[in-house]
Amino acid sequence: MRLRSLLLAAVCGLTPVLAFACGDDDDDITPVPTRAATTAAAETKAAATTTTAATSAAGGPIIVSASGALKLDNPTTTTSGLQYVDVKVGDGASPAATQQVTVHYTGKLASNGQTFDSTAGKQPITFAMNGVIKGFSEGLSTMKVGGKRVVYIPAALGYGARGQGPVPANADLVFEIELVAIK
């Protein structure tokens, strides 16, 4: 009777309490983990081992999941949904929407961490603040010269449904930005 009750409990994912409810009064029953408890324990262990904090090239806190998806650790979130973490606060001026800026940056897809564009190992690039995607301009607008920031740009503030080159439609983006100069 005891073996049958334990097998029933194991197969059905029921706890050993079932053995007592079915009339088995042995006191030496070893608890059998339920299927749900086993699955929950495995998921908890997997989550603990597959999500790691990483330091980006700019030194900013980026969380990388097992799938390679990126998100920011403890970001500031603006009303538009843009998120950022200052790695280094600059001490110069902040750019206006009509100015040109010179920056170093690395752009990555938030879904898998794949770099789609970067000035790493190259000269910094200069462009008009109003000549780039809305999220990039917004992320830069409160930086100061000399500052470094990691910015998470939702798709609506990036390339949206149209995508662009290696950036697929509706892709969230992560940029590591260093504001070098304002012109």
C-alpha atoms as a PDB file:
ATOM      1  CA  MET A   1       0.000   0.000   0.000  1.00  0.00           C
ATOM      2  CA  ARG A   2       2.771   2.428   0.896  1.00  0.00           C
ATOM      3  CA  LEU A   3       4.692   1.889  -2.362  1.00  0.00           C
ATOM      4  CA  ARG A   4       1.521   2.310  -4.422  1.00  0.00           C
ATOM      5  CA  SER A   5       0.679   5.559  -2.612  1.00  0.00           C
ATOM      6  CA  LEU A   6       4.180   6.931  -3.100  1.00  0.00           C
ATOM      7  CA  LEU A   7       4.142   5.999  -6.785  1.00  0.00           C
ATOM      8  CA  LEU A   8       0.746   7.624  -7.175  1.00  0.00           C
ATOM      9  CA  ALA A   9       2.030  10.734  -5.424  1.00  0.00           C
ATOM     10  CA  ALA A  10       5.136  10.882  -7.614  1.00  0.00           C
ATOM     11  CA  VAL A  11       3.287  10.242 -10.881  1.00  0.00           C
ATOM     12  CA  CYS A  12       0.449  12.644 -10.165  1.00  0.00           C
ATOM     13  CA  GLY A  13       2.701  15.304  -8.692  1.00  0.00           C
ATOM     14  CA  LEU A  14       0.938  15.054  -5.348  1.00  0.00           C
ATOM     15  CA  THR A  15       2.587  15.405  -1.977  1.00  0.00           C
ATOM     16  CA  PRO A  16       3.129  12.501   0.425  1.00  0.00           C
ATOM     17  CA  VAL A  17       0.173  13.819   2.410  1.00  0.00           C
ATOM     18  CA  LEU A  18      -1.885  11.855  -0.106  1.00  0.00           C
ATOM     19  CA  ALA A  19      -0.410   8.653   1.285  1.00  0.00           C
ATOM     20  CA  PHE A  20      -1.828   9.488   4.693  1.00  0.00           C
ATOM     21  CA  ALA A  21      -5.174  10.467   3.198  1.00  0.00           C
ATOM     22  CA  CYS A  22      -5.377   7.115   1.412  1.00  0.00           C
ATOM     23  CA  GLY A  23      -5.075   5.207   4.678  1.00  0.00           C
ATOM     24  CA  ASP A  24      -1.344   4.480   4.836  1.00  0.00           C
ATOM     25  CA  ASP A  25      -0.283   4.994   8.421  1.00  0.00           C
ATOM     26  CA  ASP A  26       3.448   4.248   8.135  1.00  0.00           C
ATOM     27  CA  ASP A  27       5.485   6.844   9.983  1.00  0.00           C
ATOM     28  CA  ASP A  28       8.628   6.354   7.913  1.00  0.00           C
ATOM     29  CA  ILE A  29       7.458   7.987   4.671  1.00  0.00           C
ATOM     30  CA  THR A  30      10.164   9.932   2.925  1.00  0.00           C
ATOM     31  CA  PRO A  31       8.793  13.110   1.360  1.00  0.00           C
ATOM     32  CA  VAL A  32       8.578  13.001  -2.440  1.00  0.00           C
ATOM     33  CA  PRO A  33       8.988  16.387  -4.078  1.00  0.00           C
ATOM     34  CA  THR A  34       6.051  17.365  -6.232  1.00  0.00           C
ATOM     35  CA  ARG A  35       6.453  18.034  -9.922  1.00  0.00           C
ATOM     36  CA  ALA A  36       5.503  21.670  -9.296  1.00  0.00           C
ATOM     37  CA  ALA A  37       8.048  22.027  -6.486  1.00  0.00           C
ATOM     38  CA  THR A  38      10.764  20.403  -8.595  1.00  0.00           C
ATOM     39  CA  THR A  39       9.960  22.678 -11.541  1.00  0.00           C
ATOM     40  CA  ALA A  40       9.860  25.778  -9.346  1.00  0.00           C
ATOM     41  CA  ALA A  41      13.209  24.889  -7.767  1.00  0.00           C
ATOM     42  CA  ALA A  42      14.756  24.321 -11.201  1.00  0.00           C
ATOM     43  CA  GLU A  43      13.402  27.645 -12.497  1.00  0.00           C
ATOM     44  CA  THR A  44      14.714  29.496  -9.448  1.00  0.00           C
ATOM     45  CA  LYS A  45      18.140  27.911  -9.866  1.00  0.00           C
ATOM     46  CA  ALA A  46      18.149  28.675 -13.606  1.00  0.00           C
ATOM     47  CA  ALA A  47      17.186  32.308 -13.010  1.00  0.00           C
ATOM     48  CA  ALA A  48      19.938  32.689 -10.438  1.00  0.00           C
ATOM     49  CA  THR A  49      22.554  31.273 -12.763  1.00  0.00           C
ATOM     50  CA  THR A  50      21.449  32.732 -16.101  1.00  0.00           C
ATOM     51  CA  THR A  51      21.052  36.414 -15.240  1.00  0.00           C
ATOM     52  CA  THR A  52      24.304  38.122 -14.519  1.00  0.00           C
ATOM     53  CA  ALA A  53      25.336  41.700 -14.015  1.00  0.00           C
ATOM     54  CA  ALA A  54      27.937  42.778 -16.483  1.00  0.00           C
ATOM     55  CA  THR A  55      29.963  45.895 -16.896  1.00  0.00           C
ATOM     56  CA  SER A  56      29.703  47.456 -20.312  1.00  0.00           C
ATOM     57  CA  ALA A  57      32.623  48.838 -22.259  1.00  0.00           C
ATOM     58  CA  ALA A  58      31.759  52.275 -20.852  1.00  0.00           C
ATOM     59  CA  GLY A  59      31.780  50.826 -17.332  1.00  0.00           C
ATOM     60  CA  GLY A  60      28.009  51.104 -16.894  1.00  0.00           C
ATOM     61  CA  PRO A  61      25.757  48.547 -15.279  1.00  0.00           C
ATOM     62  CA  ILE A  62      24.008  46.393 -17.864  1.00  0.00           C
ATOM     63  CA  ILE A  63      22.069  43.264 -16.940  1.00  0.00           C
ATOM     64  CA  VAL A  64      22.516  40.436 -19.463  1.00  0.00           C
ATOM     65  CA  SER A  65      19.996  37.576 -19.419  1.00  0.00           C
ATOM     66  CA  ALA A  66      20.737  34.022 -20.536  1.00  0.00           C
ATOM     67  CA  SER A  67      19.279  34.854 -23.955  1.00  0.00           C
ATOM     68  CA  GLY A  68      21.636  37.814 -24.231  1.00  0.00           C
ATOM     69  CA  ALA A  69      18.897  40.423 -23.787  1.00  0.00           C
ATOM     70  CA  LEU A  70      20.043  43.662 -22.179  1.00  0.00           C
ATOM     71  CA  LYS A  71      18.473  45.932 -19.603  1.00  0.00           C
ATOM     72  CA  LEU A  72      19.825  48.572 -17.248  1.00  0.00           C
ATOM     73  CA  ASP A  73      20.413  48.077 -13.553  1.00  0.00           C
ATOM     74  CA  ASN A  74      18.611  50.732 -11.453  1.00  0.00           C
ATOM     75  CA  PRO A  75      18.041  53.270 -14.268  1.00  0.00           C
ATOM     76  CA  THR A  76      16.523  56.734 -14.215  1.00  0.00           C
ATOM     77  CA  THR A  77      13.373  56.627 -16.364  1.00  0.00           C
ATOM     78  CA  THR A  78      12.071  59.715 -18.164  1.00  0.00           C
ATOM     79  CA  THR A  79       8.406  60.446 -18.887  1.00  0.00           C
ATOM     80  CA  SER A  80       8.900  59.226 -22.477  1.00  0.00           C
ATOM     81  CA  GLY A  81      10.093  55.805 -21.252  1.00  0.00           C
ATOM     82  CA  LEU A  82      13.785  56.367 -22.019  1.00  0.00           C
ATOM     83  CA  GLN A  83      16.073  54.910 -19.338  1.00  0.00           C
ATOM     84  CA  TYR A  84      19.623  55.874 -18.488  1.00  0.00           C
ATOM     85  CA  VAL A  85      22.434  55.298 -16.024  1.00  0.00           C
ATOM     86  CA  ASP A  86      25.242  57.826 -15.686  1.00  0.00           C
ATOM     87  CA  VAL A  87      28.596  56.080 -15.598  1.00  0.00           C
ATOM     88  CA  LYS A  88      30.466  59.368 -15.284  1.00  0.00           C
ATOM     89  CA  VAL A  89      28.857  62.774 -14.876  1.00  0.00           C
ATOM     90  CA  GLY A  90      30.637  65.382 -16.952  1.00  0.00           C
ATOM     91  CA  ASP A  91      31.449  68.886 -15.794  1.00  0.00           C
ATOM     92  CA  GLY A  92      30.865  70.851 -18.976  1.00  0.00           C
ATOM     93  CA  ALA A  93      27.764  72.253 -20.617  1.00  0.00           C
ATOM     94  CA  SER A  94      24.698  70.291 -21.776  1.00  0.00           C
ATOM     95  CA  PRO A  95      23.754  70.459 -25.480  1.00  0.00           C
ATOM     96  CA  ALA A  96      20.712  72.291 -26.836  1.00  0.00           C
ATOM     97  CA  ALA A  97      18.486  70.708 -29.495  1.00  0.00           C
ATOM     98  CA  THR A  98      19.912  73.050 -32.168  1.00  0.00           C
ATOM     99  CA  GLN A  99      23.588  72.365 -31.458  1.00  0.00           C
ATOM    100  CA  GLN A 100      26.035  69.852 -32.841  1.00  0.00           C
ATOM    101  CA  VAL A 101      27.666  67.284 -30.585  1.00  0.00           C
ATOM    102  CA  THR A 102      30.774  65.141 -30.877  1.00  0.00           C
ATOM    103  CA  VAL A 103      30.408  61.699 -29.296  1.00  0.00           C
ATOM    104  CA  HIS A 104      31.854  58.240 -28.979  1.00  0.00           C
ATOM    105  CA  TYR A 105      29.147  55.576 -28.867  1.00  0.00           C
ATOM    106  CA  THR A 106      28.335  51.911 -29.191  1.00  0.00           C
ATOM    107  CA  GLY A 107      24.807  50.902 -30.209  1.00  0.00           C
ATOM    108  CA  LYS A 108      23.438  47.445 -29.359  1.00  0.00           C
ATOM    109  CA  LEU A 109      20.162  45.626 -29.877  1.00  0.00           C
ATOM    110  CA  ALA A 110      18.516  45.225 -26.467  1.00  0.00           C
ATOM    111  CA  SER A 111      17.035  41.862 -27.495  1.00  0.00           C
ATOM    112  CA  ASN A 112      20.381  40.074 -27.893  1.00  0.00           C
ATOM    113  CA  GLY A 113      23.233  42.496 -27.155  1.00  0.00           C
ATOM    114  CA  GLN A 114      24.458  42.484 -30.771  1.00  0.00           C
ATOM    115  CA  THR A 115      26.449  45.612 -31.625  1.00  0.00           C
ATOM    116  CA  PHE A 116      25.045  47.267 -34.741  1.00  0.00           C
ATOM    117  CA  ASP A 117      27.182  50.428 -34.799  1.00  0.00           C
ATOM    118  CA  SER A 118      30.152  51.843 -32.907  1.00  0.00           C
ATOM    119  CA  THR A 119      32.863  54.467 -32.970  1.00  0.00           C
ATOM    120  CA  ALA A 120      35.102  52.296 -30.768  1.00  0.00           C
ATOM    121  CA  GLY A 121      38.640  52.382 -32.112  1.00  0.00           C
ATOM    122  CA  LYS A 122      37.697  55.251 -34.468  1.00  0.00           C
ATOM    123  CA  GLN A 123      37.467  59.009 -34.317  1.00  0.00           C
ATOM    124  CA  PRO A 124      34.428  60.372 -32.469  1.00  0.00           C
ATOM    125  CA  ILE A 125      31.534  61.444 -34.694  1.00  0.00           C
ATOM    126  CA  THR A 126      29.906  64.901 -34.912  1.00  0.00           C
ATOM    127  CA  PHE A 127      26.235  65.403 -35.768  1.00  0.00           C
ATOM    128  CA  ALA A 128      23.302  67.724 -35.156  1.00  0.00           C
ATOM    129  CA  MET A 129      21.256  66.934 -32.032  1.00  0.00           C
ATOM    130  CA  ASN A 130      18.076  67.122 -34.119  1.00  0.00           C
ATOM    131  CA  GLY A 131      19.541  64.868 -36.821  1.00  0.00           C
ATOM    132  CA  VAL A 132      19.406  61.549 -34.960  1.00  0.00           C
ATOM    133  CA  ILE A 133      16.700  59.334 -33.463  1.00  0.00           C
ATOM    134  CA  LYS A 134      14.624  60.952 -30.751  1.00  0.00           C
ATOM    135  CA  GLY A 135      15.889  58.670 -27.962  1.00  0.00           C
ATOM    136  CA  PHE A 136      19.542  59.393 -28.756  1.00  0.00           C
ATOM    137  CA  SER A 137      18.901  63.170 -28.658  1.00  0.00           C
ATOM    138  CA  GLU A 138      16.896  62.861 -25.444  1.00  0.00           C
ATOM    139  CA  GLY A 139      19.611  60.740 -23.841  1.00  0.00           C
ATOM    140  CA  LEU A 140      22.254  63.318 -24.750  1.00  0.00           C
ATOM    141  CA  SER A 141      20.217  66.401 -23.830  1.00  0.00           C
ATOM    142  CA  THR A 142      20.913  66.198 -20.082  1.00  0.00           C
ATOM    143  CA  MET A 143      24.509  64.995 -20.353  1.00  0.00           C
ATOM    144  CA  LYS A 144      27.434  67.305 -19.746  1.00  0.00           C
ATOM    145  CA  VAL A 145      30.652  67.371 -21.752  1.00  0.00           C
ATOM    146  CA  GLY A 146      32.990  64.674 -20.461  1.00  0.00           C
ATOM    147  CA  GLY A 147      30.111  62.517 -19.262  1.00  0.00           C
ATOM    148  CA  LYS A 148      29.480  58.851 -20.037  1.00  0.00           C
ATOM    149  CA  ARG A 149      25.990  57.341 -19.993  1.00  0.00           C
ATOM    150  CA  VAL A 150      24.271  54.087 -20.887  1.00  0.00           C
ATOM    151  CA  VAL A 151      20.864  54.720 -22.470  1.00  0.00           C
ATOM    152  CA  TYR A 152      18.018  52.220 -23.054  1.00  0.00           C
ATOM    153  CA  ILE A 153      15.869  53.475 -25.935  1.00  0.00           C
ATOM    154  CA  PRO A 154      12.420  51.942 -26.450  1.00  0.00           C
ATOM    155  CA  ALA A 155      11.576  51.225 -30.107  1.00  0.00           C
ATOM    156  CA  ALA A 156       9.122  54.134 -30.242  1.00  0.00           C
ATOM    157  CA  LEU A 157      12.016  56.539 -29.527  1.00  0.00           C
ATOM    158  CA  GLY A 158      14.355  54.663 -31.885  1.00  0.00           C
ATOM    159  CA  TYR A 159      13.665  53.468 -35.422  1.00  0.00           C
ATOM    160  CA  GLY A 160      10.125  52.268 -34.627  1.00  0.00           C
ATOM    161  CA  ALA A 161       8.259  50.033 -37.043  1.00  0.00           C
ATOM    162  CA  ARG A 162      10.507  50.929 -39.999  1.00  0.00           C
ATOM    163  CA  GLY A 163      13.806  49.664 -38.618  1.00  0.00           C
ATOM    164  CA  GLN A 164      17.044  50.860 -40.218  1.00  0.00           C
ATOM    165  CA  GLY A 165      19.906  48.845 -41.743  1.00  0.00           C
ATOM    166  CA  PRO A 166      20.929  46.181 -39.208  1.00  0.00           C
ATOM    167  CA  VAL A 167      18.303  47.398 -36.696  1.00  0.00           C
ATOM    168  CA  PRO A 168      15.072  45.406 -37.147  1.00  0.00           C
ATOM    169  CA  ALA A 169      11.628  46.956 -36.862  1.00  0.00           C
ATOM    170  CA  ASN A 170      10.366  47.616 -33.327  1.00  0.00           C
ATOM    171  CA  ALA A 171      13.779  47.016 -31.743  1.00  0.00           C
ATOM    172  CA  ASP A 172      14.686  48.459 -28.345  1.00  0.00           C
ATOM    173  CA  LEU A 173      18.257  49.780 -28.317  1.00  0.00           C
ATOM    174  CA  VAL A 174      21.034  50.262 -25.776  1.00  0.00           C
ATOM    175  CA  PHE A 175      23.661  52.945 -26.384  1.00  0.00           C
ATOM    176  CA  GLU A 176      26.849  53.583 -24.465  1.00  0.00           C
ATOM    177  CA  ILE A 177      27.594  57.269 -25.041  1.00  0.00           C
ATOM    178  CA  GLU A 178      30.475  59.583 -24.194  1.00  0.00           C
ATOM    179  CA  LEU A 179      29.824  63.292 -24.852  1.00  0.00           C
ATOM    180  CA  VAL A 180      33.157  64.630 -26.105  1.00  0.00           C
ATOM    181  CA  ALA A 181      32.229  68.174 -27.228  1.00  0.00           C
ATOM    182  CA  ILE A 182      29.426  70.592 -28.124  1.00  0.00           C
ATOM    183  CA  LYS A 183      29.741  72.938 -31.136  1.00  0.00           C
END
